[in-house]
Amino acid sequence: MPDNDWDEMLVAATGEVLETMFFASVYGPAQLDGAAAEPRLAARLGFEGTPSGILTLSVSEPAVRGLAANFLGAEQDDQVPFAQLGGVVCELANMICGALLTRVQTEVHFRLSSPELVPDGDPGLHSAPRQSLAVGDGVGDGTIDLWLAVEHHAN
């Protein structure tokens, strides 16, 4: 499967998950004007099958807070505790990866690892993301950066 199909599928999967589970939207590509300076939370998970790979995402704190409130059904004035935000980011990574893999044309079933939080200093977070998307619900707007490493196996 050509690489450019992965980019389109990744954006579509992210949009689908945000709309259906987080009541939020992808507004389009993110502007690269200082958003990286915002505090962020990141998660990573691997998948095995044909192909295998790793999905990593990093979400700006304003976006995480808005997404978490929507996902957890928090009242508008309630602040989601910081400890819960990491779990929401991990679940977001899990759902995006699952939605992405349902778009892959293969007869093989995929196995996903458990998503894990990625520490701030992780060197992978300093490379250019595959996609950088402006997201939000109109209140908790921010960005999601996505890295996708796909390993194609010979048949």
C-alpha atoms as a PDB file:
ATOM      1  CA  MET A   1       0.000   0.000   0.000  1.00  0.00           C
ATOM      2  CA  PRO A   2       1.560   3.359  -1.011  1.00  0.00           C
ATOM      3  CA  ASP A   3       2.646   5.753   1.737  1.00  0.00           C
ATOM      4  CA  ASN A   4       0.305   8.549   0.642  1.00  0.00           C
ATOM      5  CA  ASP A   5      -2.696   6.306   1.370  1.00  0.00           C
ATOM      6  CA  TRP A   6      -1.475   6.012   4.981  1.00  0.00           C
ATOM      7  CA  ASP A   7      -1.526   9.784   5.379  1.00  0.00           C
ATOM      8  CA  GLU A   8      -5.117  10.032   4.138  1.00  0.00           C
ATOM      9  CA  MET A   9      -6.229   7.085   6.260  1.00  0.00           C
ATOM     10  CA  LEU A  10      -4.540   8.540   9.361  1.00  0.00           C
ATOM     11  CA  VAL A  11      -6.358  11.873   9.012  1.00  0.00           C
ATOM     12  CA  ALA A  12      -9.683  10.112   8.332  1.00  0.00           C
ATOM     13  CA  ALA A  13      -9.261   7.768  11.322  1.00  0.00           C
ATOM     14  CA  THR A  14      -8.360  10.677  13.618  1.00  0.00           C
ATOM     15  CA  GLY A  15     -11.367  12.675  12.459  1.00  0.00           C
ATOM     16  CA  GLU A  16     -13.708   9.708  12.901  1.00  0.00           C
ATOM     17  CA  VAL A  17     -12.530   9.005  16.463  1.00  0.00           C
ATOM     18  CA  LEU A  18     -12.651  12.652  17.503  1.00  0.00           C
ATOM     19  CA  GLU A  19     -16.160  13.134  16.133  1.00  0.00           C
ATOM     20  CA  THR A  20     -17.707   9.932  17.454  1.00  0.00           C
ATOM     21  CA  MET A  21     -15.983   9.524  20.834  1.00  0.00           C
ATOM     22  CA  PHE A  22     -14.783  13.000  21.820  1.00  0.00           C
ATOM     23  CA  PHE A  23     -17.394  15.287  20.193  1.00  0.00           C
ATOM     24  CA  ALA A  24     -14.612  17.272  18.556  1.00  0.00           C
ATOM     25  CA  SER A  25     -13.367  17.971  15.053  1.00  0.00           C
ATOM     26  CA  VAL A  26     -10.242  18.116  12.944  1.00  0.00           C
ATOM     27  CA  TYR A  27     -10.084  21.648  11.565  1.00  0.00           C
ATOM     28  CA  GLY A  28      -7.266  20.876   9.116  1.00  0.00           C
ATOM     29  CA  PRO A  29      -3.488  20.985   9.179  1.00  0.00           C
ATOM     30  CA  ALA A  30      -2.036  22.724  12.233  1.00  0.00           C
ATOM     31  CA  GLN A  31      -0.158  25.995  11.901  1.00  0.00           C
ATOM     32  CA  LEU A  32       3.444  25.546  12.987  1.00  0.00           C
ATOM     33  CA  ASP A  33       3.682  28.902  14.776  1.00  0.00           C
ATOM     34  CA  GLY A  34       4.810  28.172  18.306  1.00  0.00           C
ATOM     35  CA  ALA A  35       2.263  25.474  19.193  1.00  0.00           C
ATOM     36  CA  ALA A  36       5.192  23.175  20.029  1.00  0.00           C
ATOM     37  CA  ALA A  37       5.976  25.360  23.045  1.00  0.00           C
ATOM     38  CA  GLU A  38       2.658  24.364  24.684  1.00  0.00           C
ATOM     39  CA  PRO A  39       2.725  21.600  27.287  1.00  0.00           C
ATOM     40  CA  ARG A  40       1.851  18.262  25.664  1.00  0.00           C
ATOM     41  CA  LEU A  41       1.007  14.681  26.567  1.00  0.00           C
ATOM     42  CA  ALA A  42       2.080  11.818  24.310  1.00  0.00           C
ATOM     43  CA  ALA A  43       1.278   8.123  23.946  1.00  0.00           C
ATOM     44  CA  ARG A  44       2.560   5.281  21.781  1.00  0.00           C
ATOM     45  CA  LEU A  45       1.407   1.804  20.833  1.00  0.00           C
ATOM     46  CA  GLY A  46       2.546  -0.861  18.435  1.00  0.00           C
ATOM     47  CA  PHE A  47       0.583  -3.125  16.152  1.00  0.00           C
ATOM     48  CA  GLU A  48       1.539  -6.485  14.671  1.00  0.00           C
ATOM     49  CA  GLY A  49       0.164  -7.954  11.478  1.00  0.00           C
ATOM     50  CA  THR A  50       0.725  -7.270   7.806  1.00  0.00           C
ATOM     51  CA  PRO A  51       1.934  -4.581   7.992  1.00  0.00           C
ATOM     52  CA  SER A  52       3.249  -3.975  11.508  1.00  0.00           C
ATOM     53  CA  GLY A  53       4.140  -0.628  12.969  1.00  0.00           C
ATOM     54  CA  ILE A  54       4.002   1.966  15.713  1.00  0.00           C
ATOM     55  CA  LEU A  55       1.635   4.888  16.190  1.00  0.00           C
ATOM     56  CA  THR A  56       2.700   7.786  18.401  1.00  0.00           C
ATOM     57  CA  LEU A  57       0.659  10.871  19.124  1.00  0.00           C
ATOM     58  CA  SER A  58       1.271  14.054  21.067  1.00  0.00           C
ATOM     59  CA  VAL A  59      -1.610  16.314  22.097  1.00  0.00           C
ATOM     60  CA  SER A  60      -1.369  19.910  23.300  1.00  0.00           C
ATOM     61  CA  GLU A  61      -2.631  20.402  26.852  1.00  0.00           C
ATOM     62  CA  PRO A  62      -5.567  22.671  25.870  1.00  0.00           C
ATOM     63  CA  ALA A  63      -6.786  20.030  23.412  1.00  0.00           C
ATOM     64  CA  VAL A  64      -6.261  17.193  25.944  1.00  0.00           C
ATOM     65  CA  ARG A  65      -8.315  19.034  28.548  1.00  0.00           C
ATOM     66  CA  GLY A  66     -11.214  19.632  26.149  1.00  0.00           C
ATOM     67  CA  LEU A  67     -11.128  16.101  24.734  1.00  0.00           C
ATOM     68  CA  ALA A  68     -10.917  14.538  28.202  1.00  0.00           C
ATOM     69  CA  ALA A  69     -13.873  16.568  29.478  1.00  0.00           C
ATOM     70  CA  ASN A  70     -15.977  15.479  26.514  1.00  0.00           C
ATOM     71  CA  PHE A  71     -14.886  11.840  26.663  1.00  0.00           C
ATOM     72  CA  LEU A  72     -15.423  11.531  30.417  1.00  0.00           C
ATOM     73  CA  GLY A  73     -18.675  13.490  30.423  1.00  0.00           C
ATOM     74  CA  ALA A  74     -17.362  16.134  32.814  1.00  0.00           C
ATOM     75  CA  GLU A  75     -19.494  19.147  33.574  1.00  0.00           C
ATOM     76  CA  GLN A  76     -18.463  22.312  31.735  1.00  0.00           C
ATOM     77  CA  ASP A  77     -16.977  23.950  34.843  1.00  0.00           C
ATOM     78  CA  ASP A  78     -15.245  20.790  36.125  1.00  0.00           C
ATOM     79  CA  GLN A  79     -11.504  20.516  35.569  1.00  0.00           C
ATOM     80  CA  VAL A  80     -10.415  16.965  34.705  1.00  0.00           C
ATOM     81  CA  PRO A  81      -7.600  15.982  37.102  1.00  0.00           C
ATOM     82  CA  PHE A  82      -4.185  15.926  35.441  1.00  0.00           C
ATOM     83  CA  ALA A  83      -3.734  12.268  36.457  1.00  0.00           C
ATOM     84  CA  GLN A  84      -6.693  11.283  34.259  1.00  0.00           C
ATOM     85  CA  LEU A  85      -5.424  13.130  31.190  1.00  0.00           C
ATOM     86  CA  GLY A  86      -2.720  10.524  30.510  1.00  0.00           C
ATOM     87  CA  GLY A  87      -5.307   7.745  30.458  1.00  0.00           C
ATOM     88  CA  VAL A  88      -7.406   9.690  27.977  1.00  0.00           C
ATOM     89  CA  VAL A  89      -4.386  10.268  25.699  1.00  0.00           C
ATOM     90  CA  CYS A  90      -3.587   6.528  25.805  1.00  0.00           C
ATOM     91  CA  GLU A  91      -7.188   5.655  24.963  1.00  0.00           C
ATOM     92  CA  LEU A  92      -7.186   8.199  22.133  1.00  0.00           C
ATOM     93  CA  ALA A  93      -4.063   6.562  20.664  1.00  0.00           C
ATOM     94  CA  ASN A  94      -5.683   3.132  20.975  1.00  0.00           C
ATOM     95  CA  MET A  95      -8.877   4.256  19.223  1.00  0.00           C
ATOM     96  CA  ILE A  96      -7.076   6.098  16.406  1.00  0.00           C
ATOM     97  CA  CYS A  97      -4.833   3.084  15.777  1.00  0.00           C
ATOM     98  CA  GLY A  98      -7.858   0.757  15.709  1.00  0.00           C
ATOM     99  CA  ALA A  99      -9.765   3.057  13.335  1.00  0.00           C
ATOM    100  CA  LEU A 100      -6.687   3.324  11.102  1.00  0.00           C
ATOM    101  CA  LEU A 101      -6.178  -0.434  10.909  1.00  0.00           C
ATOM    102  CA  THR A 102      -9.825  -1.061   9.972  1.00  0.00           C
ATOM    103  CA  ARG A 103      -9.038   0.852   6.760  1.00  0.00           C
ATOM    104  CA  VAL A 104      -6.094  -1.403   5.833  1.00  0.00           C
ATOM    105  CA  GLN A 105      -6.887  -3.929   3.115  1.00  0.00           C
ATOM    106  CA  THR A 106      -5.554  -7.206   4.519  1.00  0.00           C
ATOM    107  CA  GLU A 107      -6.746 -10.652   5.475  1.00  0.00           C
ATOM    108  CA  VAL A 108      -4.546 -10.658   8.579  1.00  0.00           C
ATOM    109  CA  HIS A 109      -5.841  -9.747  12.026  1.00  0.00           C
ATOM    110  CA  PHE A 110      -3.845  -7.140  13.901  1.00  0.00           C
ATOM    111  CA  ARG A 111      -2.647  -7.330  17.489  1.00  0.00           C
ATOM    112  CA  LEU A 112      -2.252  -4.039  19.304  1.00  0.00           C
ATOM    113  CA  SER A 113       0.019  -3.482  22.276  1.00  0.00           C
ATOM    114  CA  SER A 114      -1.224  -1.532  25.255  1.00  0.00           C
ATOM    115  CA  PRO A 115      -0.714   2.198  24.765  1.00  0.00           C
ATOM    116  CA  GLU A 116       1.879   3.803  27.020  1.00  0.00           C
ATOM    117  CA  LEU A 117       2.626   7.387  27.885  1.00  0.00           C
ATOM    118  CA  VAL A 118       5.753   8.732  26.219  1.00  0.00           C
ATOM    119  CA  PRO A 119       8.077  10.890  28.366  1.00  0.00           C
ATOM    120  CA  ASP A 120       8.708  14.482  27.285  1.00  0.00           C
ATOM    121  CA  GLY A 121      12.356  13.833  26.467  1.00  0.00           C
ATOM    122  CA  ASP A 122      11.663  10.978  24.027  1.00  0.00           C
ATOM    123  CA  PRO A 123      13.803  11.592  20.911  1.00  0.00           C
ATOM    124  CA  GLY A 124      11.014  10.409  18.579  1.00  0.00           C
ATOM    125  CA  LEU A 125       8.911  13.399  19.572  1.00  0.00           C
ATOM    126  CA  HIS A 126      11.519  15.758  18.162  1.00  0.00           C
ATOM    127  CA  SER A 127      11.307  14.471  14.593  1.00  0.00           C
ATOM    128  CA  ALA A 128       8.786  15.896  12.143  1.00  0.00           C
ATOM    129  CA  PRO A 129       5.334  14.351  12.648  1.00  0.00           C
ATOM    130  CA  ARG A 130       3.614  12.526   9.821  1.00  0.00           C
ATOM    131  CA  GLN A 131       0.537  14.675  10.434  1.00  0.00           C
ATOM    132  CA  SER A 132      -0.024  17.761  12.580  1.00  0.00           C
ATOM    133  CA  LEU A 133      -3.717  18.563  12.952  1.00  0.00           C
ATOM    134  CA  ALA A 134      -5.645  21.464  14.456  1.00  0.00           C
ATOM    135  CA  VAL A 135      -8.374  19.910  16.603  1.00  0.00           C
ATOM    136  CA  GLY A 136     -10.915  20.826  19.203  1.00  0.00           C
ATOM    137  CA  ASP A 137     -14.467  21.317  20.294  1.00  0.00           C
ATOM    138  CA  GLY A 138     -14.507  25.107  20.133  1.00  0.00           C
ATOM    139  CA  VAL A 139     -13.461  25.343  23.794  1.00  0.00           C
ATOM    140  CA  GLY A 140     -10.442  23.052  24.181  1.00  0.00           C
ATOM    141  CA  ASP A 141      -8.760  23.757  20.849  1.00  0.00           C
ATOM    142  CA  GLY A 142      -5.184  22.725  20.152  1.00  0.00           C
ATOM    143  CA  THR A 143      -3.111  20.298  18.108  1.00  0.00           C
ATOM    144  CA  ILE A 144      -2.474  16.603  17.695  1.00  0.00           C
ATOM    145  CA  ASP A 145       0.818  15.491  16.150  1.00  0.00           C
ATOM    146  CA  LEU A 146       0.903  11.946  14.800  1.00  0.00           C
ATOM    147  CA  TRP A 147       3.874   9.766  13.915  1.00  0.00           C
ATOM    148  CA  LEU A 148       3.278   6.512  12.053  1.00  0.00           C
ATOM    149  CA  ALA A 149       6.059   4.034  11.357  1.00  0.00           C
ATOM    150  CA  VAL A 150       4.915   1.178   9.112  1.00  0.00           C
ATOM    151  CA  GLU A 151       7.019  -1.913   8.482  1.00  0.00           C
ATOM    152  CA  HIS A 152       6.021  -3.796   5.349  1.00  0.00           C
ATOM    153  CA  HIS A 153       6.767  -7.530   5.424  1.00  0.00           C
ATOM    154  CA  ALA A 154       7.662  -9.610   2.401  1.00  0.00           C
ATOM    155  CA  ASN A 155       5.125 -12.333   1.645  1.00  0.00           C
END
